[in-house]
PDB file of N, CA and C in Angstrom:
ATOM      1  N   MET A   1      92.772  72.424  99.498  1.00  0.00           N
ATOM      2  CA  MET A   1      92.204  74.014  99.510  1.00  0.00           C
ATOM      3  C   MET A   1      92.941  74.004 100.949  1.00  0.00           C
ATOM      4  N   ALA A   2      92.786  73.169 101.590  1.00  0.00           N
ATOM      5  CA  ALA A   2      93.466  72.577 102.966  1.00  0.00           C
ATOM      6  C   ALA A   2      95.156  73.417 102.501  1.00  0.00           C
ATOM      7  N   ASN A   3      95.692  72.819 101.502  1.00  0.00           N
ATOM      8  CA  ASN A   3      97.068  72.432 102.390  1.00  0.00           C
ATOM      9  C   ASN A   3      97.153  74.767 101.249  1.00  0.00           C
ATOM     10  N   PHE A   4      96.215  75.385 100.149  1.00  0.00           N
ATOM     11  CA  PHE A   4      96.379  76.818 100.183  1.00  0.00           C
ATOM     12  C   PHE A   4      96.630  77.681 101.160  1.00  0.00           C
ATOM     13  N   TRP A   5      95.254  77.007 102.094  1.00  0.00           N
ATOM     14  CA  TRP A   5      95.155  78.237 103.319  1.00  0.00           C
ATOM     15  C   TRP A   5      96.851  77.889 103.908  1.00  0.00           C
ATOM     16  N   LYS A   6      96.891  77.141 104.497  1.00  0.00           N
ATOM     17  CA  LYS A   6      98.108  77.173 105.334  1.00  0.00           C
ATOM     18  C   LYS A   6      99.118  77.530 104.955  1.00  0.00           C
ATOM     19  N   ASP A   7      99.820  77.274 102.918  1.00  0.00           N
ATOM     20  CA  ASP A   7     101.069  78.003 102.998  1.00  0.00           C
ATOM     21  C   ASP A   7     100.219  79.574 102.631  1.00  0.00           C
ATOM     22  N   ALA A   8      98.985  80.025 102.475  1.00  0.00           N
ATOM     23  CA  ALA A   8      98.805  81.264 102.644  1.00  0.00           C
ATOM     24  C   ALA A   8      99.483  81.882 103.515  1.00  0.00           C
ATOM     25  N   PHE A   9      99.050  81.752 104.913  1.00  0.00           N
ATOM     26  CA  PHE A   9      99.160  81.824 105.518  1.00  0.00           C
ATOM     27  C   PHE A   9     100.323  81.936 106.502  1.00  0.00           C
ATOM     28  N   ARG A  10     100.949  80.685 106.297  1.00  0.00           N
ATOM     29  CA  ARG A  10     102.266  80.506 106.573  1.00  0.00           C
ATOM     30  C   ARG A  10     103.381  81.985 105.876  1.00  0.00           C
ATOM     31  N   ASP A  11     102.797  82.252 104.457  1.00  0.00           N
ATOM     32  CA  ASP A  11     103.706  83.321 103.582  1.00  0.00           C
ATOM     33  C   ASP A  11     103.145  84.483 104.012  1.00  0.00           C
ATOM     34  N   MET A  12     101.922  84.765 104.664  1.00  0.00           N
ATOM     35  CA  MET A  12     101.565  86.122 105.691  1.00  0.00           C
ATOM     36  C   MET A  12     102.447  86.694 106.630  1.00  0.00           C
ATOM     37  N   LYS A  13     102.632  85.543 107.515  1.00  0.00           N
ATOM     38  CA  LYS A  13     103.304  85.300 108.461  1.00  0.00           C
ATOM     39  C   LYS A  13     105.147  85.627 108.605  1.00  0.00           C
ATOM     40  N   GLU A  14     105.568  84.984 107.708  1.00  0.00           N
ATOM     41  CA  GLU A  14     107.098  85.590 107.219  1.00  0.00           C
ATOM     42  C   GLU A  14     106.909  86.940 106.734  1.00  0.00           C
ATOM     43  N   SER A  15     106.098  86.695 106.077  1.00  0.00           N
ATOM     44  CA  SER A  15     105.984  87.985 105.609  1.00  0.00           C
ATOM     45  C   SER A  15     106.075  89.554 106.794  1.00  0.00           C
ATOM     46  N   ALA A  16     104.701  89.411 107.959  1.00  0.00           N
ATOM     47  CA  ALA A  16     105.454  90.058 108.792  1.00  0.00           C
ATOM     48  C   ALA A  16     106.386  90.091 109.132  1.00  0.00           C
ATOM     49  N   LYS A  17     106.936  89.359 109.687  1.00  0.00           N
ATOM     50  CA  LYS A  17     108.357  88.769 110.410  1.00  0.00           C
ATOM     51  C   LYS A  17     109.242  89.880 110.032  1.00  0.00           C
ATOM     52  N   ALA A  18     109.206  89.817 108.457  1.00  0.00           N
ATOM     53  CA  ALA A  18     110.639  90.189 107.608  1.00  0.00           C
ATOM     54  C   ALA A  18     110.474  91.859 107.176  1.00  0.00           C
ATOM     55  N   GLN A  19     108.746  92.060 107.466  1.00  0.00           N
ATOM     56  CA  GLN A  19     108.390  93.997 107.931  1.00  0.00           C
ATOM     57  C   GLN A  19     108.554  94.186 109.077  1.00  0.00           C
ATOM     58  N   HIS A  20     108.878  93.502 109.537  1.00  0.00           N
ATOM     59  CA  HIS A  20     108.842  93.422 111.117  1.00  0.00           C
ATOM     60  C   HIS A  20     110.339  94.193 111.767  1.00  0.00           C
ATOM     61  N   GLU A  21     111.047  93.226 111.112  1.00  0.00           N
ATOM     62  CA  GLU A  21     112.701  93.672 111.181  1.00  0.00           C
ATOM     63  C   GLU A  21     112.683  94.727 110.526  1.00  0.00           C
ATOM     64  N   VAL A  22     112.413  94.701 108.979  1.00  0.00           N
ATOM     65  CA  VAL A  22     112.918  95.850 107.752  1.00  0.00           C
ATOM     66  C   VAL A  22     111.753  97.461 108.972  1.00  0.00           C
ATOM     67  N   ASP A  23     111.206  97.236 109.828  1.00  0.00           N
ATOM     68  CA  ASP A  23     110.440  98.893 110.661  1.00  0.00           C
ATOM     69  C   ASP A  23     111.903  98.705 112.104  1.00  0.00           C
ATOM     70  N   LYS A  24     112.423  97.855 112.256  1.00  0.00           N
ATOM     71  CA  LYS A  24     112.756  97.956 113.598  1.00  0.00           C
ATOM     72  C   LYS A  24     114.239  98.799 112.889  1.00  0.00           C
ATOM     73  N   ALA A  25     114.833  98.229 112.214  1.00  0.00           N
ATOM     74  CA  ALA A  25     115.670  98.536 111.583  1.00  0.00           C
ATOM     75  C   ALA A  25     116.012 100.741 110.676  1.00  0.00           C
ATOM     76  N   ASN A  26     114.422 100.448 110.136  1.00  0.00           N
ATOM     77  CA  ASN A  26     114.558 102.302 110.065  1.00  0.00           C
ATOM     78  C   ASN A  26     113.947 102.997 111.437  1.00  0.00           C
ATOM     79  N   PHE A  27     113.361 102.605 112.484  1.00  0.00           N
ATOM     80  CA  PHE A  27     113.755 103.399 113.428  1.00  0.00           C
ATOM     81  C   PHE A  27     114.158 103.303 114.154  1.00  0.00           C
ATOM     82  N   GLU A  28     115.503 102.249 113.897  1.00  0.00           N
ATOM     83  CA  GLU A  28     117.124 102.535 114.401  1.00  0.00           C
ATOM     84  C   GLU A  28     117.544 103.918 114.028  1.00  0.00           C
ATOM     85  N   ALA A  29     117.994 103.619 112.682  1.00  0.00           N
ATOM     86  CA  ALA A  29     117.691 105.055 111.808  1.00  0.00           C
ATOM     87  C   ALA A  29     117.733 105.955 112.361  1.00  0.00           C
ATOM     88  N   VAL A  30     116.506 106.178 111.984  1.00  0.00           N
ATOM     89  CA  VAL A  30     116.066 107.361 112.432  1.00  0.00           C
ATOM     90  C   VAL A  30     116.381 107.918 113.671  1.00  0.00           C
ATOM     91  N   LYS A  31     115.972 106.933 114.856  1.00  0.00           N
ATOM     92  CA  LYS A  31     116.408 107.131 116.254  1.00  0.00           C
ATOM     93  C   LYS A  31     118.013 108.038 116.439  1.00  0.00           C
ATOM     94  N   ALA A  32     118.961 107.341 115.786  1.00  0.00           N
ATOM     95  CA  ALA A  32     120.600 107.513 115.669  1.00  0.00           C
ATOM     96  C   ALA A  32     120.756 108.786 114.571  1.00  0.00           C
ATOM     97  N   GLU A  33     119.688 109.251 114.035  1.00  0.00           N
ATOM     98  CA  GLU A  33     120.023 110.380 112.857  1.00  0.00           C
ATOM     99  C   GLU A  33     119.467 111.385 113.880  1.00  0.00           C
ATOM    100  N   SER A  34     118.706 111.101 114.604  1.00  0.00           N
ATOM    101  CA  SER A  34     117.504 112.295 116.002  1.00  0.00           C
ATOM    102  C   SER A  34     119.037 112.466 116.947  1.00  0.00           C
ATOM    103  N   LYS A  35     119.621 111.901 117.242  1.00  0.00           N
ATOM    104  CA  LYS A  35     119.916 112.123 118.402  1.00  0.00           C
ATOM    105  C   LYS A  35     121.514 112.916 117.383  1.00  0.00           C
ATOM    106  N   ALA A  36     121.940 112.468 116.213  1.00  0.00           N
ATOM    107  CA  ALA A  36     123.310 112.997 115.809  1.00  0.00           C
ATOM    108  C   ALA A  36     122.571 114.293 115.242  1.00  0.00           C
ATOM    109  N   GLN A  37     121.523 114.577 115.378  1.00  0.00           N
ATOM    110  CA  GLN A  37     121.119 116.099 115.247  1.00  0.00           C
ATOM    111  C   GLN A  37     121.161 116.182 116.462  1.00  0.00           C
ATOM    112  N   TRP A  38     120.590 116.287 117.394  1.00  0.00           N
ATOM    113  CA  TRP A  38     120.781 116.792 118.787  1.00  0.00           C
ATOM    114  C   TRP A  38     121.626 117.276 119.639  1.00  0.00           C
ATOM    115  N   GLU A  39     123.341 116.152 119.624  1.00  0.00           N
ATOM    116  CA  GLU A  39     124.402 116.243 119.613  1.00  0.00           C
ATOM    117  C   GLU A  39     125.349 117.458 118.675  1.00  0.00           C
ATOM    118  N   GLU A  40     124.405 117.027 117.600  1.00  0.00           N
ATOM    119  CA  GLU A  40     125.489 118.086 116.480  1.00  0.00           C
ATOM    120  C   GLU A  40     124.983 120.018 116.526  1.00  0.00           C
ATOM    121  N   ALA A  41     123.754 119.751 117.438  1.00  0.00           N
ATOM    122  CA  ALA A  41     122.923 121.192 118.125  1.00  0.00           C
ATOM    123  C   ALA A  41     123.754 121.640 118.988  1.00  0.00           C
ATOM    124  N   LYS A  42     123.319 120.764 119.637  1.00  0.00           N
ATOM    125  CA  LYS A  42     124.067 120.925 120.936  1.00  0.00           C
ATOM    126  C   LYS A  42     126.035 121.897 121.181  1.00  0.00           C
ATOM    127  N   ALA A  43     125.725 120.584 119.716  1.00  0.00           N
ATOM    128  CA  ALA A  43     127.895 121.522 119.814  1.00  0.00           C
ATOM    129  C   ALA A  43     127.530 123.104 119.723  1.00  0.00           C
ATOM    130  N   MET A  44     126.686 123.039 118.981  1.00  0.00           N
ATOM    131  CA  MET A  44     126.698 124.232 118.333  1.00  0.00           C
ATOM    132  C   MET A  44     126.463 125.191 118.833  1.00  0.00           C
ATOM    133  N   GLY A  45     126.269 125.321 119.924  1.00  0.00           N
ATOM    134  CA  GLY A  45     126.097 126.540 121.077  1.00  0.00           C
ATOM    135  C   GLY A  45     127.548 126.621 121.869  1.00  0.00           C
ATOM    136  N   ARG A  46     128.676 125.633 121.873  1.00  0.00           N
ATOM    137  CA  ARG A  46     129.912 126.177 122.614  1.00  0.00           C
ATOM    138  C   ARG A  46     130.258 126.744 121.440  1.00  0.00           C
ATOM    139  N   PRO A  47     131.581 128.275 121.713  1.00  0.00           N
ATOM    140  CA  PRO A  47     131.697 128.937 120.818  1.00  0.00           C
ATOM    141  C   PRO A  47     132.917 127.935 119.839  1.00  0.00           C
ATOM    142  N   GLU A  48     133.765 127.318 120.963  1.00  0.00           N
ATOM    143  CA  GLU A  48     134.944 126.642 119.462  1.00  0.00           C
ATOM    144  C   GLU A  48     134.516 125.511 118.863  1.00  0.00           C
ATOM    145  N   THR A  49     133.334 124.932 119.465  1.00  0.00           N
ATOM    146  CA  THR A  49     132.888 124.173 117.942  1.00  0.00           C
ATOM    147  C   THR A  49     132.433 124.381 116.735  1.00  0.00           C
ATOM    148  N   ARG A  50     131.916 126.028 117.253  1.00  0.00           N
ATOM    149  CA  ARG A  50     130.766 126.623 115.923  1.00  0.00           C
ATOM    150  C   ARG A  50     132.146 127.549 115.351  1.00  0.00           C
ATOM    151  N   LYS A  51     133.218 128.435 116.248  1.00  0.00           N
ATOM    152  CA  LYS A  51     134.732 128.215 115.473  1.00  0.00           C
ATOM    153  C   LYS A  51     135.124 127.921 114.450  1.00  0.00           C
ATOM    154  N   ALA A  52     135.624 126.480 114.913  1.00  0.00           N
ATOM    155  CA  ALA A  52     136.054 125.435 113.988  1.00  0.00           C
ATOM    156  C   ALA A  52     135.274 125.081 112.982  1.00  0.00           C
ATOM    157  N   MET A  53     133.541 125.562 113.031  1.00  0.00           N
ATOM    158  CA  MET A  53     133.447 124.550 111.994  1.00  0.00           C
ATOM    159  C   MET A  53     133.240 126.119 110.947  1.00  0.00           C
ATOM    160  N   MET A  54     132.782 127.053 111.332  1.00  0.00           N
ATOM    161  CA  MET A  54     133.311 128.333 110.505  1.00  0.00           C
ATOM    162  C   MET A  54     133.614 128.510 109.175  1.00  0.00           C
ATOM    163  N   GLN A  55     135.454 128.142 110.179  1.00  0.00           N
ATOM    164  CA  GLN A  55     136.457 128.217 109.166  1.00  0.00           C
ATOM    165  C   GLN A  55     136.620 126.530 108.046  1.00  0.00           C
ATOM    166  N   LYS A  56     136.724 125.432 109.090  1.00  0.00           N
ATOM    167  CA  LYS A  56     136.232 124.467 108.063  1.00  0.00           C
ATOM    168  C   LYS A  56     135.192 125.296 106.345  1.00  0.00           C
ATOM    169  N   GLU A  57     134.085 126.043 107.072  1.00  0.00           N
ATOM    170  CA  GLU A  57     133.578 126.496 105.240  1.00  0.00           C
ATOM    171  C   GLU A  57     133.837 127.304 104.951  1.00  0.00           C
ATOM    172  N   ARG A  58     134.974 128.229 105.379  1.00  0.00           N
ATOM    173  CA  ARG A  58     135.698 129.179 104.883  1.00  0.00           C
ATOM    174  C   ARG A  58     136.884 128.464 103.645  1.00  0.00           C
ATOM    175  N   ALA A  59     137.783 127.653 104.980  1.00  0.00           N
ATOM    176  CA  ALA A  59     138.479 127.110 104.055  1.00  0.00           C
ATOM    177  C   ALA A  59     137.993 126.144 102.385  1.00  0.00           C
ATOM    178  N   GLU A  60     136.669 125.517 102.888  1.00  0.00           N
ATOM    179  CA  GLU A  60     136.542 125.037 101.893  1.00  0.00           C
ATOM    180  C   GLU A  60     135.969 126.126 100.880  1.00  0.00           C
ATOM    181  N   GLN A  61     135.385 127.116 100.473  1.00  0.00           N
ATOM    182  CA  GLN A  61     134.973 128.179 100.358  1.00  0.00           C
ATOM    183  C   GLN A  61     136.175 128.635  99.292  1.00  0.00           C
ATOM    184  N   ILE A  62     137.278 128.797  99.692  1.00  0.00           N
ATOM    185  CA  ILE A  62     138.346 129.079  99.646  1.00  0.00           C
ATOM    186  C   ILE A  62     139.228 128.466  98.058  1.00  0.00           C
ATOM    187  N   ALA A  63     139.556 127.009  98.671  1.00  0.00           N
ATOM    188  CA  ALA A  63     139.601 126.257  98.068  1.00  0.00           C
ATOM    189  C   ALA A  63     138.517 125.881  97.039  1.00  0.00           C
ATOM    190  N   ALA A  64     137.293 126.159  96.854  1.00  0.00           N
ATOM    191  CA  ALA A  64     136.661 126.746  95.521  1.00  0.00           C
ATOM    192  C   ALA A  64     137.385 127.461  94.886  1.00  0.00           C
ATOM    193  N   ALA A  65     137.345 129.093  95.412  1.00  0.00           N
ATOM    194  CA  ALA A  65     137.485 129.977  94.547  1.00  0.00           C
ATOM    195  C   ALA A  65     137.914 129.829  93.270  1.00  0.00           C
ATOM    196  N   LYS A  66     139.627 129.098  94.381  1.00  0.00           N
ATOM    197  CA  LYS A  66     141.110 129.217  94.259  1.00  0.00           C
ATOM    198  C   LYS A  66     140.157 127.339  92.791  1.00  0.00           C
ATOM    199  N   GLU A  67     140.102 126.763  92.678  1.00  0.00           N
ATOM    200  CA  GLU A  67     140.059 125.883  91.330  1.00  0.00           C
ATOM    201  C   GLU A  67     138.919 126.581  90.443  1.00  0.00           C
ATOM    202  N   ARG A  68     137.897 127.488  90.746  1.00  0.00           N
ATOM    203  CA  ARG A  68     137.371 128.705  89.611  1.00  0.00           C
ATOM    204  C   ARG A  68     138.668 128.808  88.954  1.00  0.00           C
ATOM    205  N   THR A  69     139.002 130.155  89.656  1.00  0.00           N
ATOM    206  CA  THR A  69     140.705 130.341  89.105  1.00  0.00           C
ATOM    207  C   THR A  69     141.080 129.988  88.531  1.00  0.00           C
ATOM    208  N   ALA A  70     141.648 128.890  89.021  1.00  0.00           N
ATOM    209  CA  ALA A  70     142.715 128.376  87.866  1.00  0.00           C
ATOM    210  C   ALA A  70     141.824 128.304  86.514  1.00  0.00           C
ATOM    211  N   ALA A  71     140.778 126.942  87.009  1.00  0.00           N
ATOM    212  CA  ALA A  71     139.792 127.045  85.406  1.00  0.00           C
ATOM    213  C   ALA A  71     139.745 128.321  84.507  1.00  0.00           C
ATOM    214  N   ALA A  72     139.504 129.605  84.898  1.00  0.00           N
ATOM    215  CA  ALA A  72     139.211 130.361  84.424  1.00  0.00           C
ATOM    216  C   ALA A  72     140.391 130.862  83.899  1.00  0.00           C
ATOM    217  N   GLN A  73     141.775 131.145  84.403  1.00  0.00           N
ATOM    218  CA  GLN A  73     142.711 131.954  83.660  1.00  0.00           C
ATOM    219  C   GLN A  73     142.944 130.275  82.154  1.00  0.00           C
ATOM    220  N   ASP A  74     142.691 128.758  83.035  1.00  0.00           N
ATOM    221  CA  ASP A  74     142.625 127.893  81.748  1.00  0.00           C
ATOM    222  C   ASP A  74     142.082 127.655  80.241  1.00  0.00           C
ATOM    223  N   ARG A  75     141.395 128.680  80.777  1.00  0.00           N
ATOM    224  CA  ARG A  75     140.020 129.230  79.168  1.00  0.00           C
ATOM    225  C   ARG A  75     140.907 130.230  79.143  1.00  0.00           C
ATOM    226  N   ILE A  76     141.096 131.122  79.551  1.00  0.00           N
ATOM    227  CA  ILE A  76     141.907 132.467  78.949  1.00  0.00           C
ATOM    228  C   ILE A  76     142.742 132.110  78.353  1.00  0.00           C
ATOM    229  N   ASP A  77     143.993 131.077  78.730  1.00  0.00           N
ATOM    230  CA  ASP A  77     144.904 130.556  77.632  1.00  0.00           C
ATOM    231  C   ASP A  77     144.541 130.257  76.900  1.00  0.00           C
ATOM    232  N   ALA A  78     143.494 129.396  76.573  1.00  0.00           N
ATOM    233  CA  ALA A  78     143.333 128.805  75.264  1.00  0.00           C
ATOM    234  C   ALA A  78     142.751 129.745  74.189  1.00  0.00           C
ATOM    235  N   ALA A  79     141.905 130.841  75.041  1.00  0.00           N
ATOM    236  CA  ALA A  79     141.391 131.923  74.158  1.00  0.00           C
ATOM    237  C   ALA A  79     142.086 132.877  73.331  1.00  0.00           C
ATOM    238  N   LYS A  80     142.983 132.557  74.057  1.00  0.00           N
ATOM    239  CA  LYS A  80     144.306 133.914  73.929  1.00  0.00           C
ATOM    240  C   LYS A  80     145.100 132.872  72.249  1.00  0.00           C
ATOM    241  N   LYS A  81     145.324 130.989  72.649  1.00  0.00           N
ATOM    242  CA  LYS A  81     146.347 131.015  71.677  1.00  0.00           C
ATOM    243  C   LYS A  81     145.960 131.017  70.694  1.00  0.00           C
TER     244      LYS A  81
END
């Protein structure tokens, strides 16, 4: 019976250590994500950063629109045959 309790408490101790490592890793991840959000928000205050981001978004939207146009043209060509 004594070994049962020793094993049980040792298992609990190991589990607590493992959970602590998980908690530390999650805390570091959240801290890094928070800092990244802060830096991004701070960068958005600079006009040149904001312009570059807006230009990138516009380029992505144009590329997506061209893909949709090409797909629609393929459908038109297939329907005419």
